[in-house]
Amino acid sequence: MAESRKRKSVFEVYEKKRKASEERNKTRVFLGDSFTRWRALKAQVGLPTDASVAKFLLDR
């Protein structure tokens, strides 16, 4: 019969999620009060993603 995989402990699952969150947080930019301006610029220029807005602003 096929061997089943060992179930991960709660700690292992928590650690995996924590590391993923830590990596994701390295690329976050906090806009604060400028969030509405960011969204308005995104709509005005017609850019599809937040990453494209960031690139647009950096390339100006």
PDB file of N, CA and C in Angstrom:
ATOM      1  N   MET A   1       0.840  -1.179   0.000  1.00  0.00           N
ATOM      2  CA  MET A   1       0.000   0.000   0.000  1.00  0.00           C
ATOM      3  C   MET A   1       0.890   1.249   0.000  1.00  0.00           C
ATOM      4  N   ALA A   2       0.414   2.306  -0.612  1.00  0.00           N
ATOM      5  CA  ALA A   2       1.204   3.533  -0.713  1.00  0.00           C
ATOM      6  C   ALA A   2       1.372   4.176   0.660  1.00  0.00           C
ATOM      7  N   GLU A   3       2.538   4.735   0.855  1.00  0.00           N
ATOM      8  CA  GLU A   3       2.824   5.420   2.114  1.00  0.00           C
ATOM      9  C   GLU A   3       2.166   6.799   2.093  1.00  0.00           C
ATOM     10  N   SER A   4       1.575   7.199   3.183  1.00  0.00           N
ATOM     11  CA  SER A   4       0.990   8.535   3.257  1.00  0.00           C
ATOM     12  C   SER A   4       2.020   9.493   3.842  1.00  0.00           C
ATOM     13  N   ARG A   5       1.888  10.735   3.447  1.00  0.00           N
ATOM     14  CA  ARG A   5       2.824  11.740   3.957  1.00  0.00           C
ATOM     15  C   ARG A   5       2.481  12.095   5.395  1.00  0.00           C
ATOM     16  N   LYS A   6       3.521  12.433   6.141  1.00  0.00           N
ATOM     17  CA  LYS A   6       3.345  12.831   7.531  1.00  0.00           C
ATOM     18  C   LYS A   6       2.703  14.216   7.576  1.00  0.00           C
ATOM     19  N   ARG A   7       1.740  14.371   8.429  1.00  0.00           N
ATOM     20  CA  ARG A   7       1.064  15.649   8.579  1.00  0.00           C
ATOM     21  C   ARG A   7       2.007  16.645   9.247  1.00  0.00           C
ATOM     22  N   LYS A   8       2.013  17.897   8.734  1.00  0.00           N
ATOM     23  CA  LYS A   8       2.876  18.930   9.311  1.00  0.00           C
ATOM     24  C   LYS A   8       2.309  19.402  10.646  1.00  0.00           C
ATOM     25  N   SER A   9       3.212  19.721  11.549  1.00  0.00           N
ATOM     26  CA  SER A   9       2.780  20.214  12.860  1.00  0.00           C
ATOM     27  C   SER A   9       2.251  21.639  12.719  1.00  0.00           C
ATOM     28  N   VAL A  10       1.526  22.059  13.708  1.00  0.00           N
ATOM     29  CA  VAL A  10       0.985  23.420  13.731  1.00  0.00           C
ATOM     30  C   VAL A  10       2.131  24.426  13.652  1.00  0.00           C
ATOM     31  N   PHE A  11       3.223  24.130  14.335  1.00  0.00           N
ATOM     32  CA  PHE A  11       4.375  25.026  14.321  1.00  0.00           C
ATOM     33  C   PHE A  11       4.967  25.132  12.917  1.00  0.00           C
ATOM     34  N   GLU A  12       5.077  24.012  12.195  1.00  0.00           N
ATOM     35  CA  GLU A  12       5.638  24.028  10.838  1.00  0.00           C
ATOM     36  C   GLU A  12       4.766  24.847   9.892  1.00  0.00           C
ATOM     37  N   VAL A  13       3.455  24.700  10.020  1.00  0.00           N
ATOM     38  CA  VAL A  13       2.528  25.469   9.191  1.00  0.00           C
ATOM     39  C   VAL A  13       2.657  26.952   9.515  1.00  0.00           C
ATOM     40  N   TYR A  14       2.709  27.284  10.797  1.00  0.00           N
ATOM     41  CA  TYR A  14       2.847  28.670  11.232  1.00  0.00           C
ATOM     42  C   TYR A  14       4.142  29.276  10.699  1.00  0.00           C
ATOM     43  N   GLU A  15       5.245  28.540  10.807  1.00  0.00           N
ATOM     44  CA  GLU A  15       6.544  29.039  10.339  1.00  0.00           C
ATOM     45  C   GLU A  15       6.530  29.301   8.840  1.00  0.00           C
ATOM     46  N   LYS A  16       5.920  28.418   8.079  1.00  0.00           N
ATOM     47  CA  LYS A  16       5.848  28.584   6.627  1.00  0.00           C
ATOM     48  C   LYS A  16       5.062  29.852   6.278  1.00  0.00           C
ATOM     49  N   LYS A  17       3.931  30.061   6.944  1.00  0.00           N
ATOM     50  CA  LYS A  17       3.118  31.256   6.705  1.00  0.00           C
ATOM     51  C   LYS A  17       3.859  32.520   7.128  1.00  0.00           C
ATOM     52  N   ARG A  18       4.569  32.452   8.257  1.00  0.00           N
ATOM     53  CA  ARG A  18       5.314  33.614   8.747  1.00  0.00           C
ATOM     54  C   ARG A  18       6.414  34.008   7.777  1.00  0.00           C
ATOM     55  N   LYS A  19       7.135  33.022   7.258  1.00  0.00           N
ATOM     56  CA  LYS A  19       8.209  33.308   6.305  1.00  0.00           C
ATOM     57  C   LYS A  19       7.662  33.884   5.009  1.00  0.00           C
ATOM     58  N   ALA A  20       6.536  33.357   4.542  1.00  0.00           N
ATOM     59  CA  ALA A  20       5.914  33.872   3.323  1.00  0.00           C
ATOM     60  C   ALA A  20       5.470  35.319   3.525  1.00  0.00           C
ATOM     61  N   SER A  21       4.896  35.600   4.677  1.00  0.00           N
ATOM     62  CA  SER A  21       4.455  36.955   4.986  1.00  0.00           C
ATOM     63  C   SER A  21       5.647  37.904   5.086  1.00  0.00           C
ATOM     64  N   GLU A  22       6.722  37.434   5.669  1.00  0.00           N
ATOM     65  CA  GLU A  22       7.939  38.238   5.800  1.00  0.00           C
ATOM     66  C   GLU A  22       8.493  38.603   4.420  1.00  0.00           C
ATOM     67  N   GLU A  23       8.519  37.652   3.514  1.00  0.00           N
ATOM     68  CA  GLU A  23       8.996  37.906   2.149  1.00  0.00           C
ATOM     69  C   GLU A  23       8.083  38.895   1.431  1.00  0.00           C
ATOM     70  N   ARG A  24       6.770  38.730   1.578  1.00  0.00           N
ATOM     71  CA  ARG A  24       5.803  39.612   0.934  1.00  0.00           C
ATOM     72  C   ARG A  24       5.940  41.037   1.460  1.00  0.00           C
ATOM     73  N   ASN A  25       6.213  41.190   2.748  1.00  0.00           N
ATOM     74  CA  ASN A  25       6.337  42.517   3.348  1.00  0.00           C
ATOM     75  C   ASN A  25       7.566  43.279   2.865  1.00  0.00           C
ATOM     76  N   LYS A  26       8.549  42.588   2.330  1.00  0.00           N
ATOM     77  CA  LYS A  26       9.756  43.253   1.826  1.00  0.00           C
ATOM     78  C   LYS A  26       9.468  44.112   0.604  1.00  0.00           C
ATOM     79  N   THR A  27       8.388  43.834  -0.107  1.00  0.00           N
ATOM     80  CA  THR A  27       8.075  44.575  -1.327  1.00  0.00           C
ATOM     81  C   THR A  27       6.919  45.550  -1.137  1.00  0.00           C
ATOM     82  N   ARG A  28       6.400  45.650   0.057  1.00  0.00           N
ATOM     83  CA  ARG A  28       5.267  46.535   0.300  1.00  0.00           C
ATOM     84  C   ARG A  28       5.704  47.984   0.440  1.00  0.00           C
ATOM     85  N   VAL A  29       4.846  48.863  -0.040  1.00  0.00           N
ATOM     86  CA  VAL A  29       5.057  50.304   0.097  1.00  0.00           C
ATOM     87  C   VAL A  29       3.802  50.859   0.762  1.00  0.00           C
ATOM     88  N   PHE A  30       3.973  51.584   1.844  1.00  0.00           N
ATOM     89  CA  PHE A  30       2.837  52.142   2.558  1.00  0.00           C
ATOM     90  C   PHE A  30       2.593  53.568   2.072  1.00  0.00           C
ATOM     91  N   LEU A  31       1.429  53.783   1.479  1.00  0.00           N
ATOM     92  CA  LEU A  31       1.099  55.071   0.883  1.00  0.00           C
ATOM     93  C   LEU A  31       0.422  56.024   1.858  1.00  0.00           C
ATOM     94  N   GLY A  32      -0.188  55.498   2.887  1.00  0.00           N
ATOM     95  CA  GLY A  32      -0.846  56.339   3.877  1.00  0.00           C
ATOM     96  C   GLY A  32      -1.935  57.198   3.263  1.00  0.00           C
ATOM     97  N   ASP A  33      -1.854  58.508   3.496  1.00  0.00           N
ATOM     98  CA  ASP A  33      -2.866  59.445   3.006  1.00  0.00           C
ATOM     99  C   ASP A  33      -2.846  59.598   1.491  1.00  0.00           C
ATOM    100  N   SER A  34      -1.792  59.161   0.839  1.00  0.00           N
ATOM    101  CA  SER A  34      -1.664  59.317  -0.610  1.00  0.00           C
ATOM    102  C   SER A  34      -2.353  58.207  -1.395  1.00  0.00           C
ATOM    103  N   PHE A  35      -3.014  57.300  -0.711  1.00  0.00           N
ATOM    104  CA  PHE A  35      -3.637  56.166  -1.389  1.00  0.00           C
ATOM    105  C   PHE A  35      -4.673  56.609  -2.419  1.00  0.00           C
ATOM    106  N   THR A  36      -5.497  57.602  -2.074  1.00  0.00           N
ATOM    107  CA  THR A  36      -6.526  58.053  -3.021  1.00  0.00           C
ATOM    108  C   THR A  36      -5.885  58.696  -4.246  1.00  0.00           C
ATOM    109  N   ARG A  37      -4.800  59.426  -4.054  1.00  0.00           N
ATOM    110  CA  ARG A  37      -4.084  60.019  -5.192  1.00  0.00           C
ATOM    111  C   ARG A  37      -3.485  58.933  -6.072  1.00  0.00           C
ATOM    112  N   TRP A  38      -2.951  57.884  -5.440  1.00  0.00           N
ATOM    113  CA  TRP A  38      -2.363  56.757  -6.168  1.00  0.00           C
ATOM    114  C   TRP A  38      -3.423  56.109  -7.068  1.00  0.00           C
ATOM    115  N   ARG A  39      -4.597  55.839  -6.493  1.00  0.00           N
ATOM    116  CA  ARG A  39      -5.679  55.210  -7.259  1.00  0.00           C
ATOM    117  C   ARG A  39      -6.171  56.135  -8.375  1.00  0.00           C
ATOM    118  N   ALA A  40      -6.236  57.429  -8.099  1.00  0.00           N
ATOM    119  CA  ALA A  40      -6.678  58.378  -9.117  1.00  0.00           C
ATOM    120  C   ALA A  40      -5.689  58.414 -10.279  1.00  0.00           C
ATOM    121  N   LEU A  41      -4.404  58.434  -9.990  1.00  0.00           N
ATOM    122  CA  LEU A  41      -3.383  58.424 -11.038  1.00  0.00           C
ATOM    123  C   LEU A  41      -3.469  57.134 -11.845  1.00  0.00           C
ATOM    124  N   LYS A  42      -3.645  56.025 -11.158  1.00  0.00           N
ATOM    125  CA  LYS A  42      -3.759  54.727 -11.823  1.00  0.00           C
ATOM    126  C   LYS A  42      -4.920  54.739 -12.820  1.00  0.00           C
ATOM    127  N   ALA A  43      -6.057  55.292 -12.418  1.00  0.00           N
ATOM    128  CA  ALA A  43      -7.227  55.360 -13.295  1.00  0.00           C
ATOM    129  C   ALA A  43      -7.016  56.371 -14.421  1.00  0.00           C
ATOM    130  N   GLN A  44      -6.443  57.518 -14.099  1.00  0.00           N
ATOM    131  CA  GLN A  44      -6.230  58.586 -15.077  1.00  0.00           C
ATOM    132  C   GLN A  44      -5.309  58.143 -16.204  1.00  0.00           C
ATOM    133  N   VAL A  45      -4.226  57.476 -15.867  1.00  0.00           N
ATOM    134  CA  VAL A  45      -3.246  57.043 -16.857  1.00  0.00           C
ATOM    135  C   VAL A  45      -3.691  55.730 -17.512  1.00  0.00           C
ATOM    136  N   GLY A  46      -4.600  55.013 -16.859  1.00  0.00           N
ATOM    137  CA  GLY A  46      -5.119  53.767 -17.412  1.00  0.00           C
ATOM    138  C   GLY A  46      -4.191  52.580 -17.227  1.00  0.00           C
ATOM    139  N   LEU A  47      -3.489  52.560 -16.116  1.00  0.00           N
ATOM    140  CA  LEU A  47      -2.569  51.458 -15.844  1.00  0.00           C
ATOM    141  C   LEU A  47      -3.302  50.341 -15.100  1.00  0.00           C
ATOM    142  N   PRO A  48      -3.003  49.086 -15.437  1.00  0.00           N
ATOM    143  CA  PRO A  48      -3.764  47.970 -14.868  1.00  0.00           C
ATOM    144  C   PRO A  48      -3.350  47.528 -13.462  1.00  0.00           C
ATOM    145  N   THR A  49      -2.092  47.726 -13.096  1.00  0.00           N
ATOM    146  CA  THR A  49      -1.619  47.214 -11.805  1.00  0.00           C
ATOM    147  C   THR A  49      -0.881  48.290 -11.021  1.00  0.00           C
ATOM    148  N   ASP A  50      -0.766  48.071  -9.727  1.00  0.00           N
ATOM    149  CA  ASP A  50      -0.005  48.984  -8.878  1.00  0.00           C
ATOM    150  C   ASP A  50       1.472  48.959  -9.258  1.00  0.00           C
ATOM    151  N   ALA A  51       1.961  47.804  -9.673  1.00  0.00           N
ATOM    152  CA  ALA A  51       3.361  47.698 -10.099  1.00  0.00           C
ATOM    153  C   ALA A  51       3.613  48.562 -11.331  1.00  0.00           C
ATOM    154  N   SER A  52       2.647  48.607 -12.235  1.00  0.00           N
ATOM    155  CA  SER A  52       2.821  49.435 -13.428  1.00  0.00           C
ATOM    156  C   SER A  52       2.792  50.925 -13.078  1.00  0.00           C
ATOM    157  N   VAL A  53       2.028  51.307 -12.071  1.00  0.00           N
ATOM    158  CA  VAL A  53       2.017  52.705 -11.611  1.00  0.00           C
ATOM    159  C   VAL A  53       3.380  53.060 -11.027  1.00  0.00           C
ATOM    160  N   ALA A  54       3.928  52.184 -10.216  1.00  0.00           N
ATOM    161  CA  ALA A  54       5.245  52.427  -9.623  1.00  0.00           C
ATOM    162  C   ALA A  54       6.304  52.574 -10.707  1.00  0.00           C
ATOM    163  N   LYS A  55       6.279  51.693 -11.701  1.00  0.00           N
ATOM    164  CA  LYS A  55       7.246  51.762 -12.800  1.00  0.00           C
ATOM    165  C   LYS A  55       7.065  53.055 -13.582  1.00  0.00           C
ATOM    166  N   PHE A  56       5.814  53.430 -13.842  1.00  0.00           N
ATOM    167  CA  PHE A  56       5.508  54.669 -14.553  1.00  0.00           C
ATOM    168  C   PHE A  56       6.118  55.865 -13.823  1.00  0.00           C
ATOM    169  N   LEU A  57       5.943  55.925 -12.518  1.00  0.00           N
ATOM    170  CA  LEU A  57       6.468  57.045 -11.735  1.00  0.00           C
ATOM    171  C   LEU A  57       7.991  57.037 -11.673  1.00  0.00           C
ATOM    172  N   LEU A  58       8.587  55.869 -11.586  1.00  0.00           N
ATOM    173  CA  LEU A  58      10.051  55.784 -11.537  1.00  0.00           C
ATOM    174  C   LEU A  58      10.682  56.157 -12.871  1.00  0.00           C
ATOM    175  N   ASP A  59      10.009  55.848 -13.961  1.00  0.00           N
ATOM    176  CA  ASP A  59      10.555  56.121 -15.289  1.00  0.00           C
ATOM    177  C   ASP A  59      10.361  57.563 -15.735  1.00  0.00           C
ATOM    178  N   ARG A  60       9.599  58.339 -15.011  1.00  0.00           N
ATOM    179  CA  ARG A  60       9.348  59.736 -15.405  1.00  0.00           C
ATOM    180  C   ARG A  60      10.560  60.587 -15.193  1.00  0.00           C
TER     181      ARG A  60
END
